[in-house]
PDB file of N, CA and C in Angstrom:
ATOM      1  N   MET A   1      -3.776  23.902 -34.765  1.00  0.00           N
ATOM      2  CA  MET A   1      -3.594  22.462 -34.762  1.00  0.00           C
ATOM      3  C   MET A   1      -3.478  21.934 -33.335  1.00  0.00           C
ATOM      4  N   ILE A   2      -2.670  22.596 -32.488  1.00  0.00           N
ATOM      5  CA  ILE A   2      -2.511  22.177 -31.103  1.00  0.00           C
ATOM      6  C   ILE A   2      -3.846  22.288 -30.373  1.00  0.00           C
ATOM      7  N   ARG A   3      -4.595  23.350 -30.643  1.00  0.00           N
ATOM      8  CA  ARG A   3      -5.894  23.529 -30.016  1.00  0.00           C
ATOM      9  C   ARG A   3      -6.838  22.392 -30.421  1.00  0.00           C
ATOM     10  N   PHE A   4      -6.788  22.011 -31.686  1.00  0.00           N
ATOM     11  CA  PHE A   4      -7.634  20.924 -32.187  1.00  0.00           C
ATOM     12  C   PHE A   4      -7.282  19.604 -31.494  1.00  0.00           C
ATOM     13  N   LEU A   5      -5.987  19.299 -31.405  1.00  0.00           N
ATOM     14  CA  LEU A   5      -5.556  18.067 -30.742  1.00  0.00           C
ATOM     15  C   LEU A   5      -5.951  18.061 -29.270  1.00  0.00           C
ATOM     16  N   SER A   6      -5.846  19.213 -28.619  1.00  0.00           N
ATOM     17  CA  SER A   6      -6.249  19.306 -27.213  1.00  0.00           C
ATOM     18  C   SER A   6      -7.734  19.003 -27.060  1.00  0.00           C
ATOM     19  N   LEU A   7      -8.540  19.541 -27.964  1.00  0.00           N
ATOM     20  CA  LEU A   7      -9.978  19.276 -27.918  1.00  0.00           C
ATOM     21  C   LEU A   7     -10.280  17.803 -28.149  1.00  0.00           C
ATOM     22  N   VAL A   8      -9.569  17.190 -29.075  1.00  0.00           N
ATOM     23  CA  VAL A   8      -9.782  15.765 -29.351  1.00  0.00           C
ATOM     24  C   VAL A   8      -9.427  14.932 -28.130  1.00  0.00           C
ATOM     25  N   ILE A   9      -8.307  15.229 -27.509  1.00  0.00           N
ATOM     26  CA  ILE A   9      -7.879  14.480 -26.323  1.00  0.00           C
ATOM     27  C   ILE A   9      -8.883  14.645 -25.195  1.00  0.00           C
ATOM     28  N   VAL A  10      -9.313  15.867 -24.935  1.00  0.00           N
ATOM     29  CA  VAL A  10     -10.291  16.120 -23.876  1.00  0.00           C
ATOM     30  C   VAL A  10     -11.598  15.400 -24.175  1.00  0.00           C
ATOM     31  N   THR A  11     -12.040  15.443 -25.429  1.00  0.00           N
ATOM     32  CA  THR A  11     -13.286  14.779 -25.817  1.00  0.00           C
ATOM     33  C   THR A  11     -13.184  13.272 -25.609  1.00  0.00           C
ATOM     34  N   VAL A  12     -12.062  12.694 -25.974  1.00  0.00           N
ATOM     35  CA  VAL A  12     -11.880  11.248 -25.804  1.00  0.00           C
ATOM     36  C   VAL A  12     -11.877  10.890 -24.325  1.00  0.00           C
ATOM     37  N   LEU A  13     -11.168  11.662 -23.510  1.00  0.00           N
ATOM     38  CA  LEU A  13     -11.116  11.374 -22.078  1.00  0.00           C
ATOM     39  C   LEU A  13     -12.478  11.511 -21.422  1.00  0.00           C
ATOM     40  N   ILE A  14     -13.240  12.514 -21.809  1.00  0.00           N
ATOM     41  CA  ILE A  14     -14.572  12.711 -21.244  1.00  0.00           C
ATOM     42  C   ILE A  14     -15.522  11.610 -21.677  1.00  0.00           C
ATOM     43  N   SER A  15     -15.358  11.124 -22.893  1.00  0.00           N
ATOM     44  CA  SER A  15     -16.280  10.119 -23.409  1.00  0.00           C
ATOM     45  C   SER A  15     -16.096   8.750 -22.767  1.00  0.00           C
ATOM     46  N   PHE A  16     -14.916   8.456 -22.214  1.00  0.00           N
ATOM     47  CA  PHE A  16     -14.708   7.187 -21.511  1.00  0.00           C
ATOM     48  C   PHE A  16     -15.312   7.295 -20.127  1.00  0.00           C
ATOM     49  N   PRO A  17     -15.999   6.267 -19.684  1.00  0.00           N
ATOM     50  CA  PRO A  17     -16.517   6.292 -18.310  1.00  0.00           C
ATOM     51  C   PRO A  17     -15.367   6.375 -17.318  1.00  0.00           C
ATOM     52  N   ALA A  18     -15.637   6.936 -16.164  1.00  0.00           N
ATOM     53  CA  ALA A  18     -14.599   7.081 -15.134  1.00  0.00           C
ATOM     54  C   ALA A  18     -14.029   5.727 -14.746  1.00  0.00           C
ATOM     55  N   GLN A  19     -14.872   4.713 -14.713  1.00  0.00           N
ATOM     56  CA  GLN A  19     -14.404   3.367 -14.345  1.00  0.00           C
ATOM     57  C   GLN A  19     -13.324   2.883 -15.291  1.00  0.00           C
ATOM     58  N   ALA A  20     -13.467   3.169 -16.581  1.00  0.00           N
ATOM     59  CA  ALA A  20     -12.502   2.700 -17.573  1.00  0.00           C
ATOM     60  C   ALA A  20     -11.161   3.403 -17.421  1.00  0.00           C
ATOM     61  N   ARG A  21     -11.153   4.605 -16.837  1.00  0.00           N
ATOM     62  CA  ARG A  21      -9.902   5.344 -16.683  1.00  0.00           C
ATOM     63  C   ARG A  21      -9.134   4.951 -15.435  1.00  0.00           C
ATOM     64  N   LYS A  22      -9.776   4.229 -14.519  1.00  0.00           N
ATOM     65  CA  LYS A  22      -9.091   3.832 -13.294  1.00  0.00           C
ATOM     66  C   LYS A  22      -7.971   2.865 -13.628  1.00  0.00           C
ATOM     67  N   LYS A  23      -6.894   3.013 -12.889  1.00  0.00           N
ATOM     68  CA  LYS A  23      -5.757   2.121 -13.069  1.00  0.00           C
ATOM     69  C   LYS A  23      -6.100   0.767 -12.471  1.00  0.00           C
ATOM     70  N   LYS A  24      -5.834  -0.280 -13.222  1.00  0.00           N
ATOM     71  CA  LYS A  24      -6.113  -1.621 -12.726  1.00  0.00           C
ATOM     72  C   LYS A  24      -5.063  -2.020 -11.699  1.00  0.00           C
ATOM     73  N   ALA A  25      -5.513  -2.811 -10.731  1.00  0.00           N
ATOM     74  CA  ALA A  25      -4.592  -3.311  -9.717  1.00  0.00           C
ATOM     75  C   ALA A  25      -3.617  -4.275 -10.358  1.00  0.00           C
ATOM     76  N   PRO A  26      -2.363  -4.214  -9.942  1.00  0.00           N
ATOM     77  CA  PRO A  26      -1.412  -5.189 -10.464  1.00  0.00           C
ATOM     78  C   PRO A  26      -1.820  -6.588 -10.020  1.00  0.00           C
ATOM     79  N   ILE A  27      -1.532  -7.558 -10.827  1.00  0.00           N
ATOM     80  CA  ILE A  27      -1.804  -8.947 -10.489  1.00  0.00           C
ATOM     81  C   ILE A  27      -0.494  -9.547 -10.005  1.00  0.00           C
ATOM     82  N   LEU A  28      -0.549 -10.227  -8.880  1.00  0.00           N
ATOM     83  CA  LEU A  28       0.666 -10.828  -8.325  1.00  0.00           C
ATOM     84  C   LEU A  28       1.320 -11.751  -9.340  1.00  0.00           C
ATOM     85  N   GLU A  29       2.553 -11.465  -9.632  1.00  0.00           N
ATOM     86  CA  GLU A  29       3.345 -12.318 -10.507  1.00  0.00           C
ATOM     87  C   GLU A  29       4.490 -12.882  -9.676  1.00  0.00           C
ATOM     88  N   ASN A  30       4.856 -14.112  -9.937  1.00  0.00           N
ATOM     89  CA  ASN A  30       5.894 -14.764  -9.145  1.00  0.00           C
ATOM     90  C   ASN A  30       7.291 -14.220  -9.403  1.00  0.00           C
ATOM     91  N   ASN A  31       7.476 -13.452 -10.483  1.00  0.00           N
ATOM     92  CA  ASN A  31       8.807 -12.947 -10.803  1.00  0.00           C
ATOM     93  C   ASN A  31       8.983 -11.472 -10.430  1.00  0.00           C
ATOM     94  N   LYS A  32       8.135 -10.989  -9.501  1.00  0.00           N
ATOM     95  CA  LYS A  32       8.236  -9.594  -9.062  1.00  0.00           C
ATOM     96  C   LYS A  32       8.160  -9.513  -7.551  1.00  0.00           C
ATOM     97  N   ALA A  33       8.685  -8.417  -7.027  1.00  0.00           N
ATOM     98  CA  ALA A  33       8.579  -8.112  -5.600  1.00  0.00           C
ATOM     99  C   ALA A  33       7.566  -6.986  -5.446  1.00  0.00           C
ATOM    100  N   TYR A  34       6.608  -7.166  -4.563  1.00  0.00           N
ATOM    101  CA  TYR A  34       5.566  -6.166  -4.329  1.00  0.00           C
ATOM    102  C   TYR A  34       5.731  -5.599  -2.935  1.00  0.00           C
ATOM    103  N   VAL A  35       5.770  -4.277  -2.860  1.00  0.00           N
ATOM    104  CA  VAL A  35       5.909  -3.584  -1.583  1.00  0.00           C
ATOM    105  C   VAL A  35       4.637  -2.766  -1.390  1.00  0.00           C
ATOM    106  N   VAL A  36       3.814  -3.180  -0.429  1.00  0.00           N
ATOM    107  CA  VAL A  36       2.579  -2.459  -0.122  1.00  0.00           C
ATOM    108  C   VAL A  36       2.867  -1.638   1.129  1.00  0.00           C
ATOM    109  N   TYR A  37       2.765  -0.312   0.994  1.00  0.00           N
ATOM    110  CA  TYR A  37       3.161   0.580   2.082  1.00  0.00           C
ATOM    111  C   TYR A  37       2.037   1.563   2.404  1.00  0.00           C
ATOM    112  N   LEU A  38       2.171   2.239   3.523  1.00  0.00           N
ATOM    113  CA  LEU A  38       1.223   3.262   3.958  1.00  0.00           C
ATOM    114  C   LEU A  38       1.952   4.600   3.982  1.00  0.00           C
ATOM    115  N   GLU A  39       1.435   5.549   3.237  1.00  0.00           N
ATOM    116  CA  GLU A  39       2.028   6.890   3.195  1.00  0.00           C
ATOM    117  C   GLU A  39       2.004   7.498   4.595  1.00  0.00           C
ATOM    118  N   GLY A  40       3.136   8.039   5.034  1.00  0.00           N
ATOM    119  CA  GLY A  40       3.221   8.679   6.338  1.00  0.00           C
ATOM    120  C   GLY A  40       3.640   7.751   7.461  1.00  0.00           C
ATOM    121  N   CYS A  41       3.726   6.470   7.199  1.00  0.00           N
ATOM    122  CA  CYS A  41       4.159   5.497   8.201  1.00  0.00           C
ATOM    123  C   CYS A  41       5.687   5.543   8.286  1.00  0.00           C
ATOM    124  N   PRO A  42       6.256   5.783   9.469  1.00  0.00           N
ATOM    125  CA  PRO A  42       7.719   5.886   9.573  1.00  0.00           C
ATOM    126  C   PRO A  42       8.444   4.585   9.231  1.00  0.00           C
ATOM    127  N   ILE A  43       7.860   3.445   9.579  1.00  0.00           N
ATOM    128  CA  ILE A  43       8.488   2.161   9.254  1.00  0.00           C
ATOM    129  C   ILE A  43       8.470   1.957   7.738  1.00  0.00           C
ATOM    130  N   CYS A  44       7.336   2.284   7.114  1.00  0.00           N
ATOM    131  CA  CYS A  44       7.236   2.179   5.651  1.00  0.00           C
ATOM    132  C   CYS A  44       8.234   3.115   4.980  1.00  0.00           C
ATOM    133  N   GLU A  45       8.419   4.286   5.559  1.00  0.00           N
ATOM    134  CA  GLU A  45       9.360   5.250   4.997  1.00  0.00           C
ATOM    135  C   GLU A  45      10.786   4.690   5.026  1.00  0.00           C
ATOM    136  N   GLN A  46      11.143   4.019   6.113  1.00  0.00           N
ATOM    137  CA  GLN A  46      12.469   3.387   6.184  1.00  0.00           C
ATOM    138  C   GLN A  46      12.617   2.338   5.083  1.00  0.00           C
ATOM    139  N   ALA A  47      11.586   1.520   4.935  1.00  0.00           N
ATOM    140  CA  ALA A  47      11.625   0.473   3.909  1.00  0.00           C
ATOM    141  C   ALA A  47      11.718   1.085   2.517  1.00  0.00           C
ATOM    142  N   MET A  48      10.905   2.084   2.259  1.00  0.00           N
ATOM    143  CA  MET A  48      10.893   2.701   0.934  1.00  0.00           C
ATOM    144  C   MET A  48      12.225   3.397   0.645  1.00  0.00           C
ATOM    145  N   ASN A  49      12.806   4.040   1.634  1.00  0.00           N
ATOM    146  CA  ASN A  49      14.118   4.669   1.437  1.00  0.00           C
ATOM    147  C   ASN A  49      15.156   3.624   1.046  1.00  0.00           C
ATOM    148  N   TYR A  50      15.181   2.521   1.773  1.00  0.00           N
ATOM    149  CA  TYR A  50      16.129   1.442   1.482  1.00  0.00           C
ATOM    150  C   TYR A  50      15.901   0.888   0.074  1.00  0.00           C
ATOM    151  N   ILE A  51      14.668   0.547  -0.215  1.00  0.00           N
ATOM    152  CA  ILE A  51      14.334  -0.058  -1.507  1.00  0.00           C
ATOM    153  C   ILE A  51      14.577   0.913  -2.658  1.00  0.00           C
ATOM    154  N   ASN A  52      14.182   2.161  -2.484  1.00  0.00           N
ATOM    155  CA  ASN A  52      14.367   3.141  -3.562  1.00  0.00           C
ATOM    156  C   ASN A  52      15.841   3.444  -3.824  1.00  0.00           C
ATOM    157  N   GLU A  53      16.657   3.457  -2.760  1.00  0.00           N
ATOM    158  CA  GLU A  53      18.093   3.706  -2.951  1.00  0.00           C
ATOM    159  C   GLU A  53      18.759   2.610  -3.770  1.00  0.00           C
ATOM    160  N   ARG A  54      18.311   1.383  -3.582  1.00  0.00           N
ATOM    161  CA  ARG A  54      18.967   0.248  -4.232  1.00  0.00           C
ATOM    162  C   ARG A  54      18.258  -0.276  -5.479  1.00  0.00           C
ATOM    163  N   TYR A  55      16.951  -0.131  -5.513  1.00  0.00           N
ATOM    164  CA  TYR A  55      16.178  -0.802  -6.569  1.00  0.00           C
ATOM    165  C   TYR A  55      15.226   0.135  -7.313  1.00  0.00           C
ATOM    166  N   TYR A  56      15.499   1.424  -7.282  1.00  0.00           N
ATOM    167  CA  TYR A  56      14.557   2.388  -7.858  1.00  0.00           C
ATOM    168  C   TYR A  56      14.229   2.109  -9.320  1.00  0.00           C
ATOM    169  N   THR A  57      15.203   1.725 -10.095  1.00  0.00           N
ATOM    170  CA  THR A  57      14.975   1.532 -11.534  1.00  0.00           C
ATOM    171  C   THR A  57      14.589   0.104 -11.899  1.00  0.00           C
ATOM    172  N   ARG A  58      14.464  -0.761 -10.931  1.00  0.00           N
ATOM    173  CA  ARG A  58      14.132  -2.159 -11.214  1.00  0.00           C
ATOM    174  C   ARG A  58      12.648  -2.303 -11.513  1.00  0.00           C
ATOM    175  N   PRO A  59      12.306  -2.790 -12.698  1.00  0.00           N
ATOM    176  CA  PRO A  59      10.882  -2.966 -13.031  1.00  0.00           C
ATOM    177  C   PRO A  59      10.251  -4.140 -12.290  1.00  0.00           C
ATOM    178  N   ASP A  60      11.059  -4.992 -11.681  1.00  0.00           N
ATOM    179  CA  ASP A  60      10.511  -6.134 -10.959  1.00  0.00           C
ATOM    180  C   ASP A  60      10.235  -5.820  -9.489  1.00  0.00           C
ATOM    181  N   VAL A  61      10.401  -4.559  -9.086  1.00  0.00           N
ATOM    182  CA  VAL A  61      10.058  -4.118  -7.737  1.00  0.00           C
ATOM    183  C   VAL A  61       8.900  -3.124  -7.872  1.00  0.00           C
ATOM    184  N   VAL A  62       7.725  -3.568  -7.445  1.00  0.00           N
ATOM    185  CA  VAL A  62       6.500  -2.776  -7.597  1.00  0.00           C
ATOM    186  C   VAL A  62       6.116  -2.200  -6.240  1.00  0.00           C
ATOM    187  N   ARG A  63       5.966  -0.883  -6.178  1.00  0.00           N
ATOM    188  CA  ARG A  63       5.598  -0.204  -4.944  1.00  0.00           C
ATOM    189  C   ARG A  63       4.161   0.289  -5.073  1.00  0.00           C
ATOM    190  N   VAL A  64       3.322  -0.018  -4.066  1.00  0.00           N
ATOM    191  CA  VAL A  64       1.918   0.373  -4.140  1.00  0.00           C
ATOM    192  C   VAL A  64       1.458   0.857  -2.770  1.00  0.00           C
ATOM    193  N   ASN A  65       0.824   2.028  -2.749  1.00  0.00           N
ATOM    194  CA  ASN A  65       0.282   2.597  -1.521  1.00  0.00           C
ATOM    195  C   ASN A  65      -0.984   1.837  -1.142  1.00  0.00           C
ATOM    196  N   ILE A  66      -1.070   1.393   0.099  1.00  0.00           N
ATOM    197  CA  ILE A  66      -2.202   0.606   0.571  1.00  0.00           C
ATOM    198  C   ILE A  66      -3.509   1.402   0.541  1.00  0.00           C
ATOM    199  N   GLU A  67      -3.423   2.728   0.552  1.00  0.00           N
ATOM    200  CA  GLU A  67      -4.617   3.565   0.582  1.00  0.00           C
ATOM    201  C   GLU A  67      -5.249   3.773  -0.796  1.00  0.00           C
ATOM    202  N   THR A  68      -4.641   3.236  -1.831  1.00  0.00           N
ATOM    203  CA  THR A  68      -5.218   3.340  -3.163  1.00  0.00           C
ATOM    204  C   THR A  68      -6.003   2.069  -3.477  1.00  0.00           C
ATOM    205  N   GLU A  69      -6.865   2.150  -4.473  1.00  0.00           N
ATOM    206  CA  GLU A  69      -7.598   0.953  -4.903  1.00  0.00           C
ATOM    207  C   GLU A  69      -6.640  -0.152  -5.310  1.00  0.00           C
ATOM    208  N   GLU A  70      -5.593   0.243  -6.041  1.00  0.00           N
ATOM    209  CA  GLU A  70      -4.599  -0.730  -6.490  1.00  0.00           C
ATOM    210  C   GLU A  70      -3.918  -1.401  -5.308  1.00  0.00           C
ATOM    211  N   GLY A  71      -3.559  -0.591  -4.309  1.00  0.00           N
ATOM    212  CA  GLY A  71      -2.882  -1.121  -3.133  1.00  0.00           C
ATOM    213  C   GLY A  71      -3.764  -2.051  -2.323  1.00  0.00           C
ATOM    214  N   ALA A  72      -5.020  -1.668  -2.140  1.00  0.00           N
ATOM    215  CA  ALA A  72      -5.951  -2.519  -1.393  1.00  0.00           C
ATOM    216  C   ALA A  72      -6.173  -3.846  -2.115  1.00  0.00           C
ATOM    217  N   ALA A  73      -6.315  -3.786  -3.431  1.00  0.00           N
ATOM    218  CA  ALA A  73      -6.521  -5.011  -4.214  1.00  0.00           C
ATOM    219  C   ALA A  73      -5.285  -5.908  -4.162  1.00  0.00           C
ATOM    220  N   LEU A  74      -4.114  -5.302  -4.242  1.00  0.00           N
ATOM    221  CA  LEU A  74      -2.871  -6.075  -4.188  1.00  0.00           C
ATOM    222  C   LEU A  74      -2.691  -6.709  -2.813  1.00  0.00           C
ATOM    223  N   LEU A  75      -3.000  -5.963  -1.767  1.00  0.00           N
ATOM    224  CA  LEU A  75      -2.906  -6.503  -0.417  1.00  0.00           C
ATOM    225  C   LEU A  75      -3.856  -7.689  -0.253  1.00  0.00           C
ATOM    226  N   LYS A  76      -5.035  -7.568  -0.802  1.00  0.00           N
ATOM    227  CA  LYS A  76      -6.013  -8.660  -0.733  1.00  0.00           C
ATOM    228  C   LYS A  76      -5.471  -9.906  -1.445  1.00  0.00           C
ATOM    229  N   GLN A  77      -4.825  -9.712  -2.585  1.00  0.00           N
ATOM    230  CA  GLN A  77      -4.228 -10.835  -3.309  1.00  0.00           C
ATOM    231  C   GLN A  77      -3.115 -11.495  -2.487  1.00  0.00           C
ATOM    232  N   CYS A  78      -2.282 -10.667  -1.853  1.00  0.00           N
ATOM    233  CA  CYS A  78      -1.196 -11.196  -1.012  1.00  0.00           C
ATOM    234  C   CYS A  78      -1.782 -11.986   0.153  1.00  0.00           C
ATOM    235  N   ALA A  79      -2.805 -11.427   0.793  1.00  0.00           N
ATOM    236  CA  ALA A  79      -3.418 -12.096   1.939  1.00  0.00           C
ATOM    237  C   ALA A  79      -4.004 -13.441   1.541  1.00  0.00           C
ATOM    238  N   LYS A  80      -4.626 -13.479   0.383  1.00  0.00           N
ATOM    239  CA  LYS A  80      -5.211 -14.733  -0.095  1.00  0.00           C
ATOM    240  C   LYS A  80      -4.114 -15.749  -0.441  1.00  0.00           C
ATOM    241  N   LYS A  81      -3.077 -15.287  -1.128  1.00  0.00           N
ATOM    242  CA  LYS A  81      -1.996 -16.185  -1.544  1.00  0.00           C
ATOM    243  C   LYS A  81      -1.259 -16.778  -0.351  1.00  0.00           C
ATOM    244  N   PHE A  82      -0.999 -15.947   0.679  1.00  0.00           N
ATOM    245  CA  PHE A  82      -0.200 -16.393   1.812  1.00  0.00           C
ATOM    246  C   PHE A  82      -1.035 -16.701   3.052  1.00  0.00           C
ATOM    247  N   ASN A  83      -2.344 -16.563   2.930  1.00  0.00           N
ATOM    248  CA  ASN A  83      -3.275 -16.933   3.986  1.00  0.00           C
ATOM    249  C   ASN A  83      -3.002 -16.198   5.302  1.00  0.00           C
ATOM    250  N   PHE A  84      -2.813 -14.889   5.239  1.00  0.00           N
ATOM    251  CA  PHE A  84      -2.694 -14.131   6.479  1.00  0.00           C
ATOM    252  C   PHE A  84      -3.940 -13.269   6.657  1.00  0.00           C
ATOM    253  N   ASN A  85      -4.278 -12.988   7.921  1.00  0.00           N
ATOM    254  CA  ASN A  85      -5.484 -12.209   8.188  1.00  0.00           C
ATOM    255  C   ASN A  85      -5.224 -10.948   8.998  1.00  0.00           C
ATOM    256  N   ARG A  86      -4.013 -10.720   9.371  1.00  0.00           N
ATOM    257  CA  ARG A  86      -3.644  -9.446  10.008  1.00  0.00           C
ATOM    258  C   ARG A  86      -2.532  -8.817   9.183  1.00  0.00           C
ATOM    259  N   VAL A  87      -2.439  -7.508   9.284  1.00  0.00           N
ATOM    260  CA  VAL A  87      -1.484  -6.796   8.442  1.00  0.00           C
ATOM    261  C   VAL A  87      -0.640  -5.853   9.280  1.00  0.00           C
ATOM    262  N   LEU A  88       0.645  -5.902   9.048  1.00  0.00           N
ATOM    263  CA  LEU A  88       1.611  -4.972   9.604  1.00  0.00           C
ATOM    264  C   LEU A  88       2.359  -4.409   8.402  1.00  0.00           C
ATOM    265  N   VAL A  89       2.255  -3.104   8.177  1.00  0.00           N
ATOM    266  CA  VAL A  89       2.893  -2.523   6.995  1.00  0.00           C
ATOM    267  C   VAL A  89       4.345  -2.206   7.282  1.00  0.00           C
ATOM    268  N   PRO A  90       5.171  -2.219   6.262  1.00  0.00           N
ATOM    269  CA  PRO A  90       4.866  -2.616   4.891  1.00  0.00           C
ATOM    270  C   PRO A  90       4.715  -4.137   4.766  1.00  0.00           C
ATOM    271  N   VAL A  91       3.936  -4.522   3.770  1.00  0.00           N
ATOM    272  CA  VAL A  91       3.798  -5.926   3.418  1.00  0.00           C
ATOM    273  C   VAL A  91       4.608  -6.133   2.155  1.00  0.00           C
ATOM    274  N   ILE A  92       5.476  -7.115   2.170  1.00  0.00           N
ATOM    275  CA  ILE A  92       6.336  -7.373   1.015  1.00  0.00           C
ATOM    276  C   ILE A  92       6.123  -8.811   0.568  1.00  0.00           C
ATOM    277  N   CYS A  93       5.684  -8.956  -0.670  1.00  0.00           N
ATOM    278  CA  CYS A  93       5.448 -10.276  -1.262  1.00  0.00           C
ATOM    279  C   CYS A  93       6.441 -10.456  -2.404  1.00  0.00           C
ATOM    280  N   ILE A  94       7.261 -11.501  -2.295  1.00  0.00           N
ATOM    281  CA  ILE A  94       8.276 -11.780  -3.310  1.00  0.00           C
ATOM    282  C   ILE A  94       8.180 -13.253  -3.671  1.00  0.00           C
ATOM    283  N   GLY A  95       7.708 -13.536  -4.861  1.00  0.00           N
ATOM    284  CA  GLY A  95       7.602 -14.925  -5.294  1.00  0.00           C
ATOM    285  C   GLY A  95       6.747 -15.735  -4.349  1.00  0.00           C
ATOM    286  N   ASP A  96       7.349 -16.739  -3.691  1.00  0.00           N
ATOM    287  CA  ASP A  96       6.599 -17.586  -2.774  1.00  0.00           C
ATOM    288  C   ASP A  96       6.885 -17.236  -1.313  1.00  0.00           C
ATOM    289  N   LYS A  97       7.385 -16.020  -1.073  1.00  0.00           N
ATOM    290  CA  LYS A  97       7.702 -15.577   0.282  1.00  0.00           C
ATOM    291  C   LYS A  97       7.043 -14.229   0.558  1.00  0.00           C
ATOM    292  N   TYR A  98       6.818 -13.958   1.823  1.00  0.00           N
ATOM    293  CA  TYR A  98       6.337 -12.636   2.216  1.00  0.00           C
ATOM    294  C   TYR A  98       6.863 -12.315   3.611  1.00  0.00           C
ATOM    295  N   PHE A  99       6.885 -11.040   3.927  1.00  0.00           N
ATOM    296  CA  PHE A  99       7.145 -10.615   5.293  1.00  0.00           C
ATOM    297  C   PHE A  99       6.496  -9.262   5.504  1.00  0.00           C
ATOM    298  N   MET A 100       6.290  -8.942   6.775  1.00  0.00           N
ATOM    299  CA  MET A 100       5.647  -7.683   7.145  1.00  0.00           C
ATOM    300  C   MET A 100       6.562  -6.918   8.069  1.00  0.00           C
ATOM    301  N   GLY A 101       6.451  -5.604   8.006  1.00  0.00           N
ATOM    302  CA  GLY A 101       7.291  -4.756   8.835  1.00  0.00           C
ATOM    303  C   GLY A 101       8.653  -4.557   8.180  1.00  0.00           C
ATOM    304  N   TRP A 102       9.534  -3.875   8.899  1.00  0.00           N
ATOM    305  CA  TRP A 102      10.857  -3.590   8.352  1.00  0.00           C
ATOM    306  C   TRP A 102      11.874  -3.521   9.472  1.00  0.00           C
ATOM    307  N   SER A 103      13.044  -4.080   9.217  1.00  0.00           N
ATOM    308  CA  SER A 103      14.153  -4.083  10.172  1.00  0.00           C
ATOM    309  C   SER A 103      15.421  -4.366   9.382  1.00  0.00           C
ATOM    310  N   ASP A 104      16.548  -4.443  10.074  1.00  0.00           N
ATOM    311  CA  ASP A 104      17.800  -4.817   9.400  1.00  0.00           C
ATOM    312  C   ASP A 104      17.669  -6.210   8.789  1.00  0.00           C
ATOM    313  N   LYS A 105      17.022  -7.121   9.539  1.00  0.00           N
ATOM    314  CA  LYS A 105      16.819  -8.470   9.017  1.00  0.00           C
ATOM    315  C   LYS A 105      15.920  -8.440   7.777  1.00  0.00           C
ATOM    316  N   ALA A 106      14.900  -7.615   7.800  1.00  0.00           N
ATOM    317  CA  ALA A 106      13.995  -7.513   6.645  1.00  0.00           C
ATOM    318  C   ALA A 106      14.742  -7.003   5.421  1.00  0.00           C
ATOM    319  N   SER A 107      15.646  -6.056   5.601  1.00  0.00           N
ATOM    320  CA  SER A 107      16.398  -5.540   4.452  1.00  0.00           C
ATOM    321  C   SER A 107      17.279  -6.638   3.857  1.00  0.00           C
ATOM    322  N   LYS A 108      17.895  -7.444   4.715  1.00  0.00           N
ATOM    323  CA  LYS A 108      18.713  -8.563   4.222  1.00  0.00           C
ATOM    324  C   LYS A 108      17.841  -9.605   3.523  1.00  0.00           C
ATOM    325  N   ASN A 109      16.673  -9.891   4.112  1.00  0.00           N
ATOM    326  CA  ASN A 109      15.743 -10.826   3.476  1.00  0.00           C
ATOM    327  C   ASN A 109      15.289 -10.313   2.121  1.00  0.00           C
ATOM    328  N   PHE A 110      14.987  -9.026   2.047  1.00  0.00           N
ATOM    329  CA  PHE A 110      14.539  -8.441   0.775  1.00  0.00           C
ATOM    330  C   PHE A 110      15.612  -8.648  -0.292  1.00  0.00           C
ATOM    331  N   ASP A 111      16.838  -8.313   0.040  1.00  0.00           N
ATOM    332  CA  ASP A 111      17.940  -8.488  -0.913  1.00  0.00           C
ATOM    333  C   ASP A 111      18.085  -9.958  -1.329  1.00  0.00           C
ATOM    334  N   GLN A 112      18.082 -10.844  -0.346  1.00  0.00           N
ATOM    335  CA  GLN A 112      18.254 -12.266  -0.623  1.00  0.00           C
ATOM    336  C   GLN A 112      17.098 -12.816  -1.458  1.00  0.00           C
ATOM    337  N   TYR A 113      15.873 -12.497  -1.084  1.00  0.00           N
ATOM    338  CA  TYR A 113      14.704 -13.015  -1.812  1.00  0.00           C
ATOM    339  C   TYR A 113      14.665 -12.476  -3.226  1.00  0.00           C
ATOM    340  N   LEU A 114      15.100 -11.243  -3.422  1.00  0.00           N
ATOM    341  CA  LEU A 114      15.112 -10.671  -4.761  1.00  0.00           C
ATOM    342  C   LEU A 114      16.120 -11.387  -5.648  1.00  0.00           C
ATOM    343  N   VAL A 115      17.270 -11.754  -5.088  1.00  0.00           N
ATOM    344  CA  VAL A 115      18.268 -12.530  -5.843  1.00  0.00           C
ATOM    345  C   VAL A 115      17.701 -13.902  -6.158  1.00  0.00           C
ATOM    346  N   GLU A 116      17.114 -14.563  -5.175  1.00  0.00           N
ATOM    347  CA  GLU A 116      16.543 -15.902  -5.384  1.00  0.00           C
ATOM    348  C   GLU A 116      15.427 -15.882  -6.427  1.00  0.00           C
ATOM    349  N   LEU A 117      14.732 -14.794  -6.496  1.00  0.00           N
ATOM    350  CA  LEU A 117      13.614 -14.649  -7.431  1.00  0.00           C
ATOM    351  C   LEU A 117      14.052 -14.870  -8.869  1.00  0.00           C
ATOM    352  N   HIS A 118      15.299 -14.522  -9.182  1.00  0.00           N
ATOM    353  CA  HIS A 118      15.777 -14.588 -10.551  1.00  0.00           C
ATOM    354  C   HIS A 118      16.811 -15.692 -10.773  1.00  0.00           C
ATOM    355  N   GLU A 119      16.922 -16.613  -9.825  1.00  0.00           N
ATOM    356  CA  GLU A 119      17.849 -17.736 -10.004  1.00  0.00           C
ATOM    357  C   GLU A 119      17.204 -18.840 -10.818  1.00  0.00           C
TER     358      GLU A 119
END
């Protein structure tokens, strides 16, 4: 029975085109915080450590690697929404606000903007 189910699952996955299996890029929603980061970037690592320590289980905090299709598409949406043409990672889009890079001030802004997001 397990062998049969495995064959069915494999057959179904193979029968779908590769395009259909790709994960769709998240669409910017005003009630979420989006963190677009670059794997291996030390500044992004600081931001991700801070965010993951405090907001790891929050479904309204979406983390996306810029090197993925999803991340590139999300970054493009942020750039269009906020009309920026240069990028400094991490890029953080929260509701009607955004900021780039990370610092002590950015961590305070992230906390504040996340609270404002749900007021």
